[in-house]
Amino acid sequence: MTRYICPKCNDEFKTCSLEILYTRICFKCGNKVIPIQFEYPIKYSKVKEIIKEGGEIWVVHKYDKDSWPSNPHAHNENKEKLNLYTGDVYSILTKELTRKIKPKILAKIQKKSKHFKKI
């Protein structure tokens, strides 16, 4: 069963709803829903938000048991974590720096995130 999320209102839907299966439209706001492809379970709440930028989907965590590499930080479906302050992207498995987000894309992610606050 595929799960979908509305990036605007963060509501989660399952394909058992035929309307979501065929229309891919959120019941509340009418926005297009996107499939959740994360291999590990993520529950969406007021301390997490979804940001789609630079061809990737990032889930921003305001509070997390593991605050590495930053608080807040973001996860993607490739098992990577993004430091929202520096743009460094790390592997969750090895904790090694794998790449760096372009400054323009990082600025857009920071602007879209309600949890990010400049220091």
N, C-alpha and C. Protein backbone atom coordinates (compact mmCIF):
# COMPACT_ATOMS: atom_id res chain seq x y z
N MET A 1 0.85 -1.17 0.00
CA MET A 1 0.00 0.00 0.00
C MET A 1 0.90 1.24 0.00
N THR A 2 0.71 2.09 -0.97
CA THR A 2 1.49 3.32 -1.06
C THR A 2 0.85 4.39 -0.19
N ARG A 3 1.70 5.17 0.47
CA ARG A 3 1.21 6.28 1.27
C ARG A 3 1.55 7.57 0.54
N TYR A 4 0.69 8.56 0.69
CA TYR A 4 0.88 9.86 0.07
C TYR A 4 0.81 10.93 1.14
N ILE A 5 1.48 12.05 0.87
CA ILE A 5 1.44 13.17 1.80
C ILE A 5 1.18 14.45 1.03
N CYS A 6 0.44 15.34 1.65
CA CYS A 6 0.20 16.65 1.05
C CYS A 6 1.28 17.59 1.57
N PRO A 7 2.14 18.13 0.68
CA PRO A 7 3.21 19.00 1.15
C PRO A 7 2.71 20.32 1.74
N LYS A 8 1.47 20.69 1.43
CA LYS A 8 0.95 21.97 1.91
C LYS A 8 0.42 21.86 3.34
N CYS A 9 -0.40 20.83 3.60
CA CYS A 9 -1.00 20.73 4.94
C CYS A 9 -0.47 19.54 5.74
N ASN A 10 0.48 18.78 5.19
CA ASN A 10 1.13 17.65 5.86
C ASN A 10 0.18 16.51 6.24
N ASP A 11 -0.97 16.41 5.60
CA ASP A 11 -1.87 15.29 5.85
C ASP A 11 -1.36 14.06 5.09
N GLU A 12 -1.51 12.91 5.71
CA GLU A 12 -1.05 11.66 5.11
C GLU A 12 -2.25 10.84 4.66
N PHE A 13 -2.14 10.20 3.48
CA PHE A 13 -3.22 9.40 2.93
C PHE A 13 -2.67 8.06 2.48
N LYS A 14 -3.53 7.06 2.43
CA LYS A 14 -3.15 5.74 1.93
C LYS A 14 -3.94 5.44 0.68
N THR A 15 -3.44 4.54 -0.16
CA THR A 15 -4.13 4.25 -1.43
C THR A 15 -5.41 3.46 -1.24
N CYS A 16 -5.74 3.09 0.00
CA CYS A 16 -7.03 2.41 0.20
C CYS A 16 -8.17 3.40 -0.06
N SER A 17 -7.85 4.68 -0.05
CA SER A 17 -8.84 5.68 -0.42
C SER A 17 -8.85 5.79 -1.94
N LEU A 18 -9.94 5.39 -2.57
CA LEU A 18 -10.00 5.37 -4.04
C LEU A 18 -9.85 6.76 -4.64
N GLU A 19 -10.38 7.76 -3.96
CA GLU A 19 -10.28 9.13 -4.48
C GLU A 19 -8.82 9.57 -4.56
N ILE A 20 -8.03 9.25 -3.53
CA ILE A 20 -6.60 9.59 -3.55
C ILE A 20 -5.90 8.77 -4.63
N LEU A 21 -6.25 7.49 -4.75
CA LEU A 21 -5.60 6.61 -5.72
C LEU A 21 -5.73 7.15 -7.14
N TYR A 22 -6.90 7.67 -7.50
CA TYR A 22 -7.13 8.11 -8.87
C TYR A 22 -6.86 9.60 -9.10
N THR A 23 -7.12 10.45 -8.11
CA THR A 23 -6.99 11.89 -8.34
C THR A 23 -5.67 12.45 -7.84
N ARG A 24 -5.09 11.84 -6.80
CA ARG A 24 -3.86 12.33 -6.17
C ARG A 24 -4.02 13.78 -5.69
N ILE A 25 -5.21 14.10 -5.17
CA ILE A 25 -5.53 15.45 -4.68
C ILE A 25 -5.88 15.37 -3.19
N CYS A 26 -5.37 16.32 -2.41
CA CYS A 26 -5.65 16.39 -0.97
C CYS A 26 -7.11 16.77 -0.74
N PHE A 27 -7.76 16.09 0.21
CA PHE A 27 -9.16 16.37 0.54
C PHE A 27 -9.32 17.77 1.12
N LYS A 28 -8.36 18.19 1.96
CA LYS A 28 -8.50 19.46 2.68
C LYS A 28 -8.25 20.68 1.82
N CYS A 29 -7.08 20.69 1.13
CA CYS A 29 -6.67 21.94 0.47
C CYS A 29 -6.70 21.87 -1.06
N GLY A 30 -6.89 20.68 -1.63
CA GLY A 30 -6.95 20.57 -3.09
C GLY A 30 -5.58 20.52 -3.75
N ASN A 31 -4.51 20.49 -2.95
CA ASN A 31 -3.15 20.43 -3.48
C ASN A 31 -2.83 19.00 -3.94
N LYS A 32 -1.88 18.86 -4.88
CA LYS A 32 -1.46 17.52 -5.31
C LYS A 32 -0.70 16.84 -4.19
N VAL A 33 -0.98 15.55 -3.95
CA VAL A 33 -0.26 14.78 -2.95
C VAL A 33 0.91 14.08 -3.62
N ILE A 34 1.96 13.77 -2.84
CA ILE A 34 3.14 13.10 -3.38
C ILE A 34 3.35 11.79 -2.64
N PRO A 35 3.88 10.76 -3.32
CA PRO A 35 4.10 9.48 -2.64
C PRO A 35 5.22 9.58 -1.62
N ILE A 36 5.05 8.86 -0.54
CA ILE A 36 6.10 8.77 0.48
C ILE A 36 6.91 7.53 0.14
N GLN A 37 8.19 7.72 -0.14
CA GLN A 37 9.02 6.60 -0.57
C GLN A 37 10.10 6.27 0.44
N PHE A 38 9.97 6.75 1.66
CA PHE A 38 10.99 6.49 2.66
C PHE A 38 10.91 5.04 3.10
N GLU A 39 12.07 4.41 3.27
CA GLU A 39 12.11 3.01 3.67
C GLU A 39 11.92 2.84 5.17
N TYR A 40 12.11 3.90 5.93
CA TYR A 40 11.92 3.83 7.36
C TYR A 40 10.67 4.63 7.71
N PRO A 41 9.92 4.22 8.75
CA PRO A 41 8.66 4.90 9.04
C PRO A 41 8.88 6.32 9.56
N ILE A 42 8.13 7.24 9.02
CA ILE A 42 8.18 8.62 9.48
C ILE A 42 6.75 9.05 9.78
N LYS A 43 6.52 9.53 10.98
CA LYS A 43 5.21 10.06 11.32
C LYS A 43 5.30 11.57 11.20
N TYR A 44 4.36 12.14 10.49
CA TYR A 44 4.39 13.58 10.25
C TYR A 44 3.58 14.28 11.32
N SER A 45 4.15 15.32 11.88
CA SER A 45 3.48 16.08 12.93
C SER A 45 3.91 17.53 12.83
N LYS A 46 3.60 18.30 13.85
CA LYS A 46 3.93 19.71 13.83
C LYS A 46 5.44 19.96 13.98
N VAL A 47 6.20 18.96 14.42
CA VAL A 47 7.64 19.14 14.55
C VAL A 47 8.39 18.61 13.33
N LYS A 48 7.67 18.15 12.32
CA LYS A 48 8.29 17.69 11.08
C LYS A 48 7.57 18.34 9.91
N GLU A 49 8.31 18.63 8.87
CA GLU A 49 7.68 19.22 7.69
C GLU A 49 8.37 18.69 6.44
N ILE A 50 7.65 18.71 5.33
CA ILE A 50 8.18 18.21 4.06
C ILE A 50 8.50 19.39 3.16
N ILE A 51 9.70 19.35 2.58
CA ILE A 51 10.12 20.41 1.66
C ILE A 51 10.64 19.75 0.39
N LYS A 52 10.06 20.12 -0.73
CA LYS A 52 10.49 19.60 -2.03
C LYS A 52 11.28 20.71 -2.72
N GLU A 53 12.57 20.46 -2.93
CA GLU A 53 13.44 21.47 -3.53
C GLU A 53 14.62 20.79 -4.20
N GLY A 54 15.04 21.31 -5.34
CA GLY A 54 16.22 20.80 -6.03
C GLY A 54 16.07 19.37 -6.50
N GLY A 55 14.83 18.95 -6.80
CA GLY A 55 14.59 17.58 -7.26
C GLY A 55 14.59 16.54 -6.15
N GLU A 56 14.61 16.98 -4.89
CA GLU A 56 14.62 16.06 -3.76
C GLU A 56 13.51 16.42 -2.78
N ILE A 57 13.11 15.44 -1.99
CA ILE A 57 12.13 15.66 -0.94
C ILE A 57 12.86 15.52 0.39
N TRP A 58 12.81 16.58 1.19
CA TRP A 58 13.47 16.61 2.50
C TRP A 58 12.41 16.66 3.59
N VAL A 59 12.59 15.87 4.63
CA VAL A 59 11.72 15.91 5.81
C VAL A 59 12.53 16.60 6.91
N VAL A 60 12.08 17.78 7.31
CA VAL A 60 12.79 18.56 8.31
C VAL A 60 12.32 18.16 9.70
N HIS A 61 13.27 17.88 10.58
CA HIS A 61 12.98 17.50 11.97
C HIS A 61 13.37 18.64 12.88
N LYS A 62 12.41 19.13 13.65
CA LYS A 62 12.74 20.18 14.63
C LYS A 62 13.36 19.54 15.87
N TYR A 63 12.74 18.49 16.35
CA TYR A 63 13.26 17.76 17.51
C TYR A 63 13.46 16.32 17.09
N ASP A 64 14.61 15.77 17.38
CA ASP A 64 14.93 14.39 17.03
C ASP A 64 15.84 13.86 18.13
N LYS A 65 15.73 12.59 18.45
CA LYS A 65 16.61 11.99 19.46
C LYS A 65 18.07 12.20 19.07
N ASP A 66 18.33 12.07 17.78
CA ASP A 66 19.68 12.25 17.26
C ASP A 66 19.75 13.62 16.58
N SER A 67 20.30 14.61 17.25
CA SER A 67 20.32 15.97 16.69
C SER A 67 21.51 16.19 15.74
N TRP A 68 22.25 15.14 15.44
CA TRP A 68 23.36 15.24 14.50
C TRP A 68 22.81 15.28 13.08
N PRO A 69 23.25 16.06 12.16
CA PRO A 69 24.37 16.98 12.20
C PRO A 69 23.98 18.39 12.67
N SER A 70 22.70 18.68 12.78
CA SER A 70 22.27 19.99 13.27
C SER A 70 20.86 19.84 13.84
N ASN A 71 20.45 20.85 14.58
CA ASN A 71 19.07 20.87 15.07
C ASN A 71 18.48 22.22 14.71
N PRO A 72 17.57 22.28 13.75
CA PRO A 72 16.94 21.19 13.02
C PRO A 72 17.83 20.65 11.90
N HIS A 73 17.46 19.45 11.43
CA HIS A 73 18.13 18.86 10.27
C HIS A 73 17.06 18.20 9.41
N ALA A 74 17.46 17.68 8.24
CA ALA A 74 16.48 17.08 7.34
C ALA A 74 16.98 15.72 6.85
N HIS A 75 16.02 14.83 6.58
CA HIS A 75 16.31 13.50 6.02
C HIS A 75 15.77 13.47 4.58
N ASN A 76 16.36 12.65 3.72
CA ASN A 76 15.77 12.38 2.41
C ASN A 76 15.60 10.88 2.24
N GLU A 77 15.04 10.45 1.09
CA GLU A 77 14.77 9.03 0.89
C GLU A 77 16.02 8.23 0.55
N ASN A 78 17.15 8.89 0.36
CA ASN A 78 18.41 8.20 0.05
C ASN A 78 19.23 7.92 1.30
N LYS A 79 18.58 7.93 2.45
CA LYS A 79 19.24 7.71 3.74
C LYS A 79 20.38 8.70 3.95
N GLU A 80 20.05 9.97 3.74
CA GLU A 80 21.01 11.05 3.95
C GLU A 80 20.41 12.08 4.90
N LYS A 81 21.29 12.81 5.59
CA LYS A 81 20.87 13.89 6.47
C LYS A 81 21.50 15.19 5.99
N LEU A 82 20.72 16.25 6.05
CA LEU A 82 21.16 17.58 5.63
C LEU A 82 21.33 18.48 6.84
N ASN A 83 22.52 19.08 6.96
CA ASN A 83 22.74 20.11 7.96
C ASN A 83 22.14 21.39 7.40
N LEU A 84 21.09 21.89 8.02
CA LEU A 84 20.37 23.04 7.49
C LEU A 84 21.15 24.35 7.60
N TYR A 85 22.24 24.35 8.33
CA TYR A 85 23.03 25.57 8.48
C TYR A 85 24.17 25.65 7.47
N THR A 86 24.78 24.49 7.16
CA THR A 86 25.96 24.50 6.28
C THR A 86 25.68 23.97 4.88
N GLY A 87 24.62 23.16 4.72
CA GLY A 87 24.33 22.54 3.43
C GLY A 87 25.07 21.23 3.23
N ASP A 88 25.80 20.78 4.25
CA ASP A 88 26.50 19.49 4.16
C ASP A 88 25.49 18.35 4.23
N VAL A 89 25.68 17.35 3.36
CA VAL A 89 24.81 16.18 3.33
C VAL A 89 25.65 14.97 3.74
N TYR A 90 25.16 14.23 4.73
CA TYR A 90 25.88 13.09 5.29
C TYR A 90 25.10 11.80 5.06
N SER A 91 25.81 10.70 4.94
CA SER A 91 25.20 9.38 4.91
C SER A 91 24.73 9.04 6.31
N ILE A 92 23.50 8.55 6.45
CA ILE A 92 23.00 8.14 7.76
C ILE A 92 23.76 6.90 8.24
N LEU A 93 24.11 6.03 7.31
CA LEU A 93 24.75 4.77 7.66
C LEU A 93 26.20 4.95 8.12
N THR A 94 26.98 5.77 7.40
CA THR A 94 28.40 5.90 7.72
C THR A 94 28.75 7.21 8.42
N LYS A 95 27.83 8.16 8.43
CA LYS A 95 28.03 9.51 8.99
C LYS A 95 29.16 10.27 8.28
N GLU A 96 29.45 9.87 7.05
CA GLU A 96 30.47 10.55 6.26
C GLU A 96 29.82 11.62 5.39
N LEU A 97 30.55 12.69 5.16
CA LEU A 97 30.09 13.75 4.27
C LEU A 97 30.06 13.19 2.84
N THR A 98 28.89 13.23 2.20
CA THR A 98 28.77 12.68 0.85
C THR A 98 28.73 13.76 -0.22
N ARG A 99 28.19 14.92 0.13
CA ARG A 99 28.08 16.01 -0.84
C ARG A 99 27.66 17.29 -0.13
N LYS A 100 27.55 18.34 -0.89
CA LYS A 100 27.11 19.63 -0.34
C LYS A 100 26.00 20.16 -1.24
N ILE A 101 24.94 20.67 -0.64
CA ILE A 101 23.83 21.27 -1.38
C ILE A 101 24.29 22.62 -1.92
N LYS A 102 23.86 22.96 -3.13
CA LYS A 102 24.19 24.28 -3.70
C LYS A 102 23.61 25.38 -2.82
N PRO A 103 24.34 26.49 -2.65
CA PRO A 103 23.87 27.56 -1.76
C PRO A 103 22.48 28.10 -2.10
N LYS A 104 22.15 28.20 -3.39
CA LYS A 104 20.81 28.71 -3.77
C LYS A 104 19.72 27.74 -3.32
N ILE A 105 19.96 26.44 -3.48
CA ILE A 105 18.97 25.44 -3.06
C ILE A 105 18.85 25.42 -1.54
N LEU A 106 19.99 25.49 -0.84
CA LEU A 106 19.97 25.53 0.63
C LEU A 106 19.18 26.74 1.12
N ALA A 107 19.38 27.89 0.50
CA ALA A 107 18.65 29.10 0.89
C ALA A 107 17.15 28.93 0.71
N LYS A 108 16.74 28.25 -0.38
CA LYS A 108 15.30 28.01 -0.62
C LYS A 108 14.73 27.06 0.43
N ILE A 109 15.50 26.01 0.78
CA ILE A 109 15.05 25.07 1.82
C ILE A 109 14.91 25.79 3.15
N GLN A 110 15.90 26.61 3.49
CA GLN A 110 15.85 27.37 4.74
C GLN A 110 14.66 28.31 4.77
N LYS A 111 14.36 28.95 3.65
CA LYS A 111 13.24 29.90 3.58
C LYS A 111 11.90 29.18 3.72
N LYS A 112 11.79 27.98 3.13
CA LYS A 112 10.53 27.22 3.19
C LYS A 112 10.30 26.59 4.56
N SER A 113 11.37 26.34 5.31
CA SER A 113 11.25 25.66 6.60
C SER A 113 10.78 26.62 7.68
N LYS A 114 9.71 26.22 8.37
CA LYS A 114 9.22 26.99 9.50
C LYS A 114 10.11 26.78 10.73
N HIS A 115 10.83 25.65 10.74
CA HIS A 115 11.65 25.30 11.91
C HIS A 115 13.04 25.93 11.87
N PHE A 116 13.50 26.33 10.69
CA PHE A 116 14.86 26.87 10.58
C PHE A 116 14.89 28.32 11.03
N LYS A 117 15.84 28.62 11.90
CA LYS A 117 16.03 30.00 12.34
C LYS A 117 17.50 30.34 12.19
N LYS A 118 17.78 31.45 11.49
CA LYS A 118 19.18 31.86 11.32
C LYS A 118 19.75 32.25 12.66
N ILE A 119 21.02 31.92 12.84
CA ILE A 119 21.68 32.25 14.10
C ILE A 119 22.39 33.59 13.94
